[in-house]
Amino acid sequence: MTEINKHYRYGKRFKDFDIDVKALTDGSRKISGYASVWGNVDAAGDVMMRGAFAKSIIERGPNSTTNRKIAFLWQHQMDVPLGRITVLKEDEYGLYFEAEISKTQKGDETIAQLLDGTLNQFSFGFKYVMDKCTYDRSTDVFYVGEVYLSELSVVTLGCNELTVFTGMKQLSKIQLIEENTKLNKVTNTFKRALTEDQRIELDEIIQQHIALAYAEPQRHSSKTEPQKGFDVELLINKINKTTFLQ
């Protein structure tokens, strides 16, 4: 392992995740899912290690005594809380959470948009605890031993990272892992051949493709119609035809 020298990892970061919103159809205001999974290389080149969230859970989790608990927000905005996290724990798979959406106007609007598919993205805000992380230059993998977890959010588009799960709610957990692994493998193989500046540009290009995918008319059709999945091969073909600035 080599020393950490990726300066762009400092400061607040965001990662996307998928959750189960099907319970909302039964009148419940509770959503649940995994905000992170262990051991796989994500699209940012990070490997989250079990225990990375343990200190945050103890100090600011739902069972802590502090008044500054990990927040559940609208669009990462600290002044717009959506509800409260009721369960937050690490298990053998990853970081599991449950949250209850408040009976407010914004909460009601959020539930309506989750049900009709206008919103289907989630993200969490965190900072790396650098002395608990290790960067392996030979594989370009960043092993994350600890983070400072500040909030979970419902967002329109996932911030910063590339892990997007358009339409994935219809997949089983095993299928989701397989699709995520496939996407990570293709993306990371391509990114290893690029310079740091080119990787940043690649991230921006992929985010533009994602934004265009969400703008497609199909996403405003009947909620009984299956959502369109994320076409990995089409994206990679477009990226391969892109001329990066030197």
C-alpha atoms as a PDB file:
ATOM      1  CA  MET A   1       0.000   0.000   0.000  1.00  0.00           C
ATOM      2  CA  THR A   2       1.178   3.505  -0.726  1.00  0.00           C
ATOM      3  CA  GLU A   3       0.526   6.757   1.056  1.00  0.00           C
ATOM      4  CA  ILE A   4      -2.632   8.739   0.409  1.00  0.00           C
ATOM      5  CA  ASN A   5      -2.001  11.457  -2.159  1.00  0.00           C
ATOM      6  CA  LYS A   6      -5.365  11.999  -3.864  1.00  0.00           C
ATOM      7  CA  HIS A   7      -6.013  15.594  -2.871  1.00  0.00           C
ATOM      8  CA  TYR A   8      -9.416  15.648  -4.551  1.00  0.00           C
ATOM      9  CA  ARG A   9     -10.776  13.232  -1.932  1.00  0.00           C
ATOM     10  CA  TYR A  10     -10.705  15.900   0.783  1.00  0.00           C
ATOM     11  CA  GLY A  11     -13.842  17.755   1.842  1.00  0.00           C
ATOM     12  CA  LYS A  12     -17.452  16.635   1.829  1.00  0.00           C
ATOM     13  CA  ARG A  13     -18.322  13.921  -0.687  1.00  0.00           C
ATOM     14  CA  PHE A  14     -21.476  12.147  -1.807  1.00  0.00           C
ATOM     15  CA  LYS A  15     -22.343   8.596  -2.851  1.00  0.00           C
ATOM     16  CA  ASP A  16     -25.549   7.320  -4.400  1.00  0.00           C
ATOM     17  CA  PHE A  17     -27.574   4.309  -3.276  1.00  0.00           C
ATOM     18  CA  ASP A  18     -30.829   2.517  -3.990  1.00  0.00           C
ATOM     19  CA  ILE A  19     -33.650   1.906  -1.495  1.00  0.00           C
ATOM     20  CA  ASP A  20     -36.969   0.094  -1.245  1.00  0.00           C
ATOM     21  CA  VAL A  21     -39.908   2.478  -1.632  1.00  0.00           C
ATOM     22  CA  LYS A  22     -42.538  -0.191  -2.292  1.00  0.00           C
ATOM     23  CA  ALA A  23     -43.734  -0.041   1.324  1.00  0.00           C
ATOM     24  CA  LEU A  24     -45.059   3.463   0.634  1.00  0.00           C
ATOM     25  CA  THR A  25     -47.838   1.976  -1.514  1.00  0.00           C
ATOM     26  CA  ASP A  26     -49.333   0.468   1.647  1.00  0.00           C
ATOM     27  CA  GLY A  27     -49.645   3.853   3.310  1.00  0.00           C
ATOM     28  CA  SER A  28     -46.416   3.541   5.273  1.00  0.00           C
ATOM     29  CA  ARG A  29     -44.077   6.530   5.461  1.00  0.00           C
ATOM     30  CA  LYS A  30     -41.021   4.331   6.033  1.00  0.00           C
ATOM     31  CA  ILE A  31     -38.272   3.691   3.497  1.00  0.00           C
ATOM     32  CA  SER A  32     -35.370   1.292   3.939  1.00  0.00           C
ATOM     33  CA  GLY A  33     -32.307  -0.034   2.179  1.00  0.00           C
ATOM     34  CA  TYR A  34     -28.530  -0.234   2.096  1.00  0.00           C
ATOM     35  CA  ALA A  35     -26.642   3.030   1.797  1.00  0.00           C
ATOM     36  CA  SER A  36     -23.364   1.178   1.201  1.00  0.00           C
ATOM     37  CA  VAL A  37     -22.060  -2.356   0.671  1.00  0.00           C
ATOM     38  CA  TRP A  38     -18.757  -3.848   1.731  1.00  0.00           C
ATOM     39  CA  GLY A  39     -15.805  -5.036  -0.265  1.00  0.00           C
ATOM     40  CA  ASN A  40     -16.612  -4.071  -3.855  1.00  0.00           C
ATOM     41  CA  VAL A  41     -14.764  -1.405  -5.824  1.00  0.00           C
ATOM     42  CA  ASP A  42     -17.324   1.295  -6.560  1.00  0.00           C
ATOM     43  CA  ALA A  43     -17.264   3.613  -9.557  1.00  0.00           C
ATOM     44  CA  ALA A  44     -15.198   6.174  -7.632  1.00  0.00           C
ATOM     45  CA  GLY A  45     -12.478   3.581  -7.022  1.00  0.00           C
ATOM     46  CA  ASP A  46     -13.400   3.216  -3.332  1.00  0.00           C
ATOM     47  CA  VAL A  47     -13.756   0.018  -1.319  1.00  0.00           C
ATOM     48  CA  MET A  48     -15.882   0.561   1.785  1.00  0.00           C
ATOM     49  CA  MET A  49     -14.627  -1.606   4.641  1.00  0.00           C
ATOM     50  CA  ARG A  50     -16.889  -2.964   7.347  1.00  0.00           C
ATOM     51  CA  GLY A  51     -16.581  -0.672  10.353  1.00  0.00           C
ATOM     52  CA  ALA A  52     -16.303   2.499   8.260  1.00  0.00           C
ATOM     53  CA  PHE A  53     -19.550   3.887   9.704  1.00  0.00           C
ATOM     54  CA  ALA A  54     -19.293   2.409  13.214  1.00  0.00           C
ATOM     55  CA  LYS A  55     -18.033   5.544  14.971  1.00  0.00           C
ATOM     56  CA  SER A  56     -20.624   7.775  13.274  1.00  0.00           C
ATOM     57  CA  ILE A  57     -23.396   5.380  14.304  1.00  0.00           C
ATOM     58  CA  ILE A  58     -22.239   5.352  17.934  1.00  0.00           C
ATOM     59  CA  GLU A  59     -21.739   9.106  18.151  1.00  0.00           C
ATOM     60  CA  ARG A  60     -24.647  10.379  16.004  1.00  0.00           C
ATOM     61  CA  GLY A  61     -26.842   7.400  15.119  1.00  0.00           C
ATOM     62  CA  PRO A  62     -30.563   7.146  15.993  1.00  0.00           C
ATOM     63  CA  ASN A  63     -29.791   5.530  19.363  1.00  0.00           C
ATOM     64  CA  SER A  64     -27.171   8.091  20.388  1.00  0.00           C
ATOM     65  CA  THR A  65     -27.823  10.748  23.037  1.00  0.00           C
ATOM     66  CA  THR A  66     -26.660  13.707  20.960  1.00  0.00           C
ATOM     67  CA  ASN A  67     -29.037  16.289  19.539  1.00  0.00           C
ATOM     68  CA  ARG A  68     -26.911  16.434  16.374  1.00  0.00           C
ATOM     69  CA  LYS A  69     -27.919  13.077  14.925  1.00  0.00           C
ATOM     70  CA  ILE A  70     -27.242  11.973  11.352  1.00  0.00           C
ATOM     71  CA  ALA A  71     -29.904  13.811   9.352  1.00  0.00           C
ATOM     72  CA  PHE A  72     -32.416  12.663   6.758  1.00  0.00           C
ATOM     73  CA  LEU A  73     -32.686  15.518   4.246  1.00  0.00           C
ATOM     74  CA  TRP A  74     -34.144  16.901   1.054  1.00  0.00           C
ATOM     75  CA  GLN A  75     -31.407  17.431  -1.569  1.00  0.00           C
ATOM     76  CA  HIS A  76     -28.565  17.603   1.015  1.00  0.00           C
ATOM     77  CA  GLN A  77     -30.105  20.779   2.475  1.00  0.00           C
ATOM     78  CA  MET A  78     -29.622  20.924   6.231  1.00  0.00           C
ATOM     79  CA  ASP A  79     -32.469  23.412   6.551  1.00  0.00           C
ATOM     80  CA  VAL A  80     -34.958  21.038   4.877  1.00  0.00           C
ATOM     81  CA  PRO A  81     -35.195  17.842   6.965  1.00  0.00           C
ATOM     82  CA  LEU A  82     -37.547  15.192   5.532  1.00  0.00           C
ATOM     83  CA  GLY A  83     -37.861  13.029   8.605  1.00  0.00           C
ATOM     84  CA  ARG A  84     -35.689  10.965  10.883  1.00  0.00           C
ATOM     85  CA  ILE A  85     -33.522   7.892  10.635  1.00  0.00           C
ATOM     86  CA  THR A  86     -34.947   5.196  12.911  1.00  0.00           C
ATOM     87  CA  VAL A  87     -32.496   2.349  12.218  1.00  0.00           C
ATOM     88  CA  LEU A  88     -28.835   2.597  11.200  1.00  0.00           C
ATOM     89  CA  LYS A  89     -26.540  -0.390  11.535  1.00  0.00           C
ATOM     90  CA  GLU A  90     -23.720  -2.293   9.889  1.00  0.00           C
ATOM     91  CA  ASP A  91     -24.376  -5.942   9.044  1.00  0.00           C
ATOM     92  CA  GLU A  92     -22.573  -8.564   6.985  1.00  0.00           C
ATOM     93  CA  TYR A  93     -23.789  -6.989   3.729  1.00  0.00           C
ATOM     94  CA  GLY A  94     -23.366  -3.271   4.312  1.00  0.00           C
ATOM     95  CA  LEU A  95     -24.831  -0.180   5.989  1.00  0.00           C
ATOM     96  CA  TYR A  96     -28.566  -0.761   6.518  1.00  0.00           C
ATOM     97  CA  PHE A  97     -30.960   2.036   7.382  1.00  0.00           C
ATOM     98  CA  GLU A  98     -34.641   2.774   7.898  1.00  0.00           C
ATOM     99  CA  ALA A  99     -36.118   6.262   7.859  1.00  0.00           C
ATOM    100  CA  GLU A 100     -39.564   7.689   8.577  1.00  0.00           C
ATOM    101  CA  ILE A 101     -40.791  10.566   6.390  1.00  0.00           C
ATOM    102  CA  SER A 102     -42.439  13.336   8.418  1.00  0.00           C
ATOM    103  CA  LYS A 103     -46.082  14.353   7.949  1.00  0.00           C
ATOM    104  CA  THR A 104     -45.214  17.731   6.464  1.00  0.00           C
ATOM    105  CA  GLN A 105     -45.960  19.332   3.110  1.00  0.00           C
ATOM    106  CA  LYS A 106     -42.459  18.522   1.870  1.00  0.00           C
ATOM    107  CA  GLY A 107     -42.765  14.988   3.232  1.00  0.00           C
ATOM    108  CA  ASP A 108     -46.092  14.444   1.456  1.00  0.00           C
ATOM    109  CA  GLU A 109     -44.663  15.858  -1.780  1.00  0.00           C
ATOM    110  CA  THR A 110     -41.635  13.577  -1.516  1.00  0.00           C
ATOM    111  CA  ILE A 111     -43.766  10.462  -1.012  1.00  0.00           C
ATOM    112  CA  ALA A 112     -45.923  11.388  -4.028  1.00  0.00           C
ATOM    113  CA  GLN A 113     -42.824  11.881  -6.193  1.00  0.00           C
ATOM    114  CA  LEU A 114     -41.221   8.648  -5.018  1.00  0.00           C
ATOM    115  CA  LEU A 115     -44.385   6.775  -5.928  1.00  0.00           C
ATOM    116  CA  ASP A 116     -44.746   8.280  -9.408  1.00  0.00           C
ATOM    117  CA  GLY A 117     -41.033   7.945 -10.194  1.00  0.00           C
ATOM    118  CA  THR A 118     -40.240  11.667 -10.421  1.00  0.00           C
ATOM    119  CA  LEU A 119     -37.732  11.038  -7.636  1.00  0.00           C
ATOM    120  CA  ASN A 120     -35.801   7.766  -7.377  1.00  0.00           C
ATOM    121  CA  GLN A 121     -32.288   8.797  -6.360  1.00  0.00           C
ATOM    122  CA  PHE A 122     -30.714   8.787  -2.902  1.00  0.00           C
ATOM    123  CA  SER A 123     -27.340   9.925  -1.654  1.00  0.00           C
ATOM    124  CA  PHE A 124     -25.370  10.240   1.559  1.00  0.00           C
ATOM    125  CA  GLY A 125     -22.986  13.003   2.577  1.00  0.00           C
ATOM    126  CA  PHE A 126     -19.694  12.160   4.289  1.00  0.00           C
ATOM    127  CA  LYS A 127     -16.047  13.035   4.789  1.00  0.00           C
ATOM    128  CA  TYR A 128     -13.146  10.606   4.617  1.00  0.00           C
ATOM    129  CA  VAL A 129     -11.233  10.086   7.865  1.00  0.00           C
ATOM    130  CA  MET A 130      -7.923  10.083   6.059  1.00  0.00           C
ATOM    131  CA  ASP A 131      -5.753   8.388   8.673  1.00  0.00           C
ATOM    132  CA  LYS A 132      -8.135   5.408   8.528  1.00  0.00           C
ATOM    133  CA  CYS A 133      -7.953   5.085   4.734  1.00  0.00           C
ATOM    134  CA  THR A 134      -5.279   3.637   2.459  1.00  0.00           C
ATOM    135  CA  TYR A 135      -4.615   4.211  -1.226  1.00  0.00           C
ATOM    136  CA  ASP A 136      -3.147   1.423  -3.363  1.00  0.00           C
ATOM    137  CA  ARG A 137      -1.479   3.165  -6.296  1.00  0.00           C
ATOM    138  CA  SER A 138      -0.871  -0.077  -8.211  1.00  0.00           C
ATOM    139  CA  THR A 139      -4.593  -0.796  -8.511  1.00  0.00           C
ATOM    140  CA  ASP A 140      -5.883   2.779  -8.073  1.00  0.00           C
ATOM    141  CA  VAL A 141      -8.129   1.581  -5.245  1.00  0.00           C
ATOM    142  CA  PHE A 142      -8.908   3.623  -2.129  1.00  0.00           C
ATOM    143  CA  TYR A 143      -9.647   1.449   0.927  1.00  0.00           C
ATOM    144  CA  VAL A 144     -12.009   3.367   3.195  1.00  0.00           C
ATOM    145  CA  GLY A 145     -11.688   2.328   6.838  1.00  0.00           C
ATOM    146  CA  GLU A 146     -13.688   5.184   8.350  1.00  0.00           C
ATOM    147  CA  VAL A 147     -15.881   8.083   7.273  1.00  0.00           C
ATOM    148  CA  TYR A 148     -17.708  10.883   9.065  1.00  0.00           C
ATOM    149  CA  LEU A 149     -21.324  10.288   8.009  1.00  0.00           C
ATOM    150  CA  SER A 150     -23.422  13.462   8.249  1.00  0.00           C
ATOM    151  CA  GLU A 151     -26.684  12.827   6.374  1.00  0.00           C
ATOM    152  CA  LEU A 152     -28.799  10.762   4.002  1.00  0.00           C
ATOM    153  CA  SER A 153     -30.795  12.558   1.297  1.00  0.00           C
ATOM    154  CA  VAL A 154     -33.474  12.150  -1.321  1.00  0.00           C
ATOM    155  CA  VAL A 155     -32.044  13.829  -4.454  1.00  0.00           C
ATOM    156  CA  THR A 156     -33.099  14.558  -8.022  1.00  0.00           C
ATOM    157  CA  LEU A 157     -29.776  13.359  -9.419  1.00  0.00           C
ATOM    158  CA  GLY A 158     -27.049  11.622  -7.462  1.00  0.00           C
ATOM    159  CA  CYS A 159     -24.138  13.923  -6.610  1.00  0.00           C
ATOM    160  CA  ASN A 160     -20.482  13.364  -7.547  1.00  0.00           C
ATOM    161  CA  GLU A 161     -20.327   9.596  -7.816  1.00  0.00           C
ATOM    162  CA  LEU A 162     -21.218   7.398 -10.808  1.00  0.00           C
ATOM    163  CA  THR A 163     -23.224   4.633  -9.141  1.00  0.00           C
ATOM    164  CA  VAL A 164     -26.737   5.058 -10.533  1.00  0.00           C
ATOM    165  CA  PHE A 165     -29.533   2.503 -10.245  1.00  0.00           C
ATOM    166  CA  THR A 166     -32.146   3.599 -12.810  1.00  0.00           C
ATOM    167  CA  GLY A 167     -34.888   0.966 -12.786  1.00  0.00           C
ATOM    168  CA  MET A 168     -32.956  -1.317 -10.455  1.00  0.00           C
ATOM    169  CA  LYS A 169     -35.727  -1.500  -7.850  1.00  0.00           C
ATOM    170  CA  GLN A 170     -37.236  -4.311  -9.940  1.00  0.00           C
ATOM    171  CA  LEU A 171     -34.119  -6.466  -9.490  1.00  0.00           C
ATOM    172  CA  SER A 172     -33.319  -8.877  -6.694  1.00  0.00           C
ATOM    173  CA  LYS A 173     -30.392  -8.123  -4.379  1.00  0.00           C
ATOM    174  CA  ILE A 174     -28.231 -10.693  -6.195  1.00  0.00           C
ATOM    175  CA  GLN A 175     -29.075  -9.224  -9.602  1.00  0.00           C
ATOM    176  CA  LEU A 176     -28.362  -5.725  -8.288  1.00  0.00           C
ATOM    177  CA  ILE A 177     -24.908  -6.792  -7.082  1.00  0.00           C
ATOM    178  CA  GLU A 178     -24.174  -8.458 -10.434  1.00  0.00           C
ATOM    179  CA  GLU A 179     -25.213  -5.368 -12.424  1.00  0.00           C
ATOM    180  CA  ASN A 180     -23.272  -3.054 -10.112  1.00  0.00           C
ATOM    181  CA  THR A 181     -20.174  -5.268 -10.371  1.00  0.00           C
ATOM    182  CA  LYS A 182     -20.436  -5.299 -14.169  1.00  0.00           C
ATOM    183  CA  LEU A 183     -20.750  -1.510 -14.336  1.00  0.00           C
ATOM    184  CA  ASN A 184     -17.869  -0.973 -11.887  1.00  0.00           C
ATOM    185  CA  LYS A 185     -15.580  -3.366 -13.766  1.00  0.00           C
ATOM    186  CA  VAL A 186     -16.162  -1.729 -17.158  1.00  0.00           C
ATOM    187  CA  THR A 187     -15.835   1.803 -15.782  1.00  0.00           C
ATOM    188  CA  ASN A 188     -12.711   1.153 -13.696  1.00  0.00           C
ATOM    189  CA  THR A 189     -10.943  -0.668 -16.540  1.00  0.00           C
ATOM    190  CA  PHE A 190     -11.525   2.317 -18.784  1.00  0.00           C
ATOM    191  CA  LYS A 191     -10.520   4.890 -16.138  1.00  0.00           C
ATOM    192  CA  ARG A 192      -7.164   3.237 -15.329  1.00  0.00           C
ATOM    193  CA  ALA A 193      -5.888   4.231 -18.771  1.00  0.00           C
ATOM    194  CA  LEU A 194      -6.673   7.912 -18.173  1.00  0.00           C
ATOM    195  CA  THR A 195      -4.881  10.736 -16.432  1.00  0.00           C
ATOM    196  CA  GLU A 196      -6.438  12.313 -13.328  1.00  0.00           C
ATOM    197  CA  ASP A 197      -7.736  15.273 -15.368  1.00  0.00           C
ATOM    198  CA  GLN A 198      -9.257  12.918 -17.922  1.00  0.00           C
ATOM    199  CA  ARG A 199     -10.976  10.956 -15.161  1.00  0.00           C
ATOM    200  CA  ILE A 200     -12.569  14.133 -13.868  1.00  0.00           C
ATOM    201  CA  GLU A 201     -13.724  14.957 -17.392  1.00  0.00           C
ATOM    202  CA  LEU A 202     -15.056  11.418 -17.785  1.00  0.00           C
ATOM    203  CA  ASP A 203     -17.094  11.801 -14.582  1.00  0.00           C
ATOM    204  CA  GLU A 204     -18.636  14.981 -15.968  1.00  0.00           C
ATOM    205  CA  ILE A 205     -19.465  13.324 -19.299  1.00  0.00           C
ATOM    206  CA  ILE A 206     -21.147  10.368 -17.608  1.00  0.00           C
ATOM    207  CA  GLN A 207     -23.197  12.706 -15.426  1.00  0.00           C
ATOM    208  CA  GLN A 208     -24.400  14.463 -18.598  1.00  0.00           C
ATOM    209  CA  HIS A 209     -25.464  11.118 -20.077  1.00  0.00           C
ATOM    210  CA  ILE A 210     -27.318  10.322 -16.854  1.00  0.00           C
ATOM    211  CA  ALA A 211     -29.087  13.685 -16.896  1.00  0.00           C
ATOM    212  CA  LEU A 212     -30.210  13.094 -20.490  1.00  0.00           C
ATOM    213  CA  ALA A 213     -31.490   9.631 -19.566  1.00  0.00           C
ATOM    214  CA  TYR A 214     -33.667  11.116 -16.839  1.00  0.00           C
ATOM    215  CA  ALA A 215     -35.065  13.679 -19.276  1.00  0.00           C
ATOM    216  CA  GLU A 216     -36.535  11.036 -21.570  1.00  0.00           C
ATOM    217  CA  PRO A 217     -40.354  11.210 -21.964  1.00  0.00           C
ATOM    218  CA  GLN A 218     -40.764   7.584 -20.908  1.00  0.00           C
ATOM    219  CA  ARG A 219     -40.049   8.578 -17.322  1.00  0.00           C
ATOM    220  CA  HIS A 220     -43.337  10.521 -17.195  1.00  0.00           C
ATOM    221  CA  SER A 221     -45.532   7.645 -18.360  1.00  0.00           C
ATOM    222  CA  SER A 222     -47.894   5.552 -16.241  1.00  0.00           C
ATOM    223  CA  LYS A 223     -46.357   4.364 -13.001  1.00  0.00           C
ATOM    224  CA  THR A 224     -47.376   0.818 -13.888  1.00  0.00           C
ATOM    225  CA  GLU A 225     -45.012   0.890 -16.874  1.00  0.00           C
ATOM    226  CA  PRO A 226     -41.555  -0.608 -16.136  1.00  0.00           C
ATOM    227  CA  GLN A 227     -38.816   1.975 -15.897  1.00  0.00           C
ATOM    228  CA  LYS A 228     -36.062   2.004 -18.483  1.00  0.00           C
ATOM    229  CA  GLY A 229     -32.774   0.515 -17.271  1.00  0.00           C
ATOM    230  CA  PHE A 230     -29.344   2.121 -17.539  1.00  0.00           C
ATOM    231  CA  ASP A 231     -27.679   0.983 -20.805  1.00  0.00           C
ATOM    232  CA  VAL A 232     -24.047   0.382 -19.799  1.00  0.00           C
ATOM    233  CA  GLU A 233     -22.833  -0.720 -23.246  1.00  0.00           C
ATOM    234  CA  LEU A 234     -24.364   2.301 -24.991  1.00  0.00           C
ATOM    235  CA  LEU A 235     -22.707   4.635 -22.496  1.00  0.00           C
ATOM    236  CA  ILE A 236     -19.282   3.026 -22.894  1.00  0.00           C
ATOM    237  CA  ASN A 237     -19.578   3.168 -26.702  1.00  0.00           C
ATOM    238  CA  LYS A 238     -20.282   6.898 -26.463  1.00  0.00           C
ATOM    239  CA  ILE A 239     -17.361   7.413 -24.081  1.00  0.00           C
ATOM    240  CA  ASN A 240     -14.978   5.522 -26.366  1.00  0.00           C
ATOM    241  CA  LYS A 241     -15.809   7.958 -29.172  1.00  0.00           C
ATOM    242  CA  THR A 242     -15.094  10.966 -26.973  1.00  0.00           C
ATOM    243  CA  THR A 243     -11.839  12.911 -27.531  1.00  0.00           C
ATOM    244  CA  PHE A 244     -10.433  13.954 -24.157  1.00  0.00           C
ATOM    245  CA  LEU A 245      -8.609  17.232 -23.734  1.00  0.00           C
ATOM    246  CA  GLN A 246      -4.899  16.809 -23.159  1.00  0.00           C
END
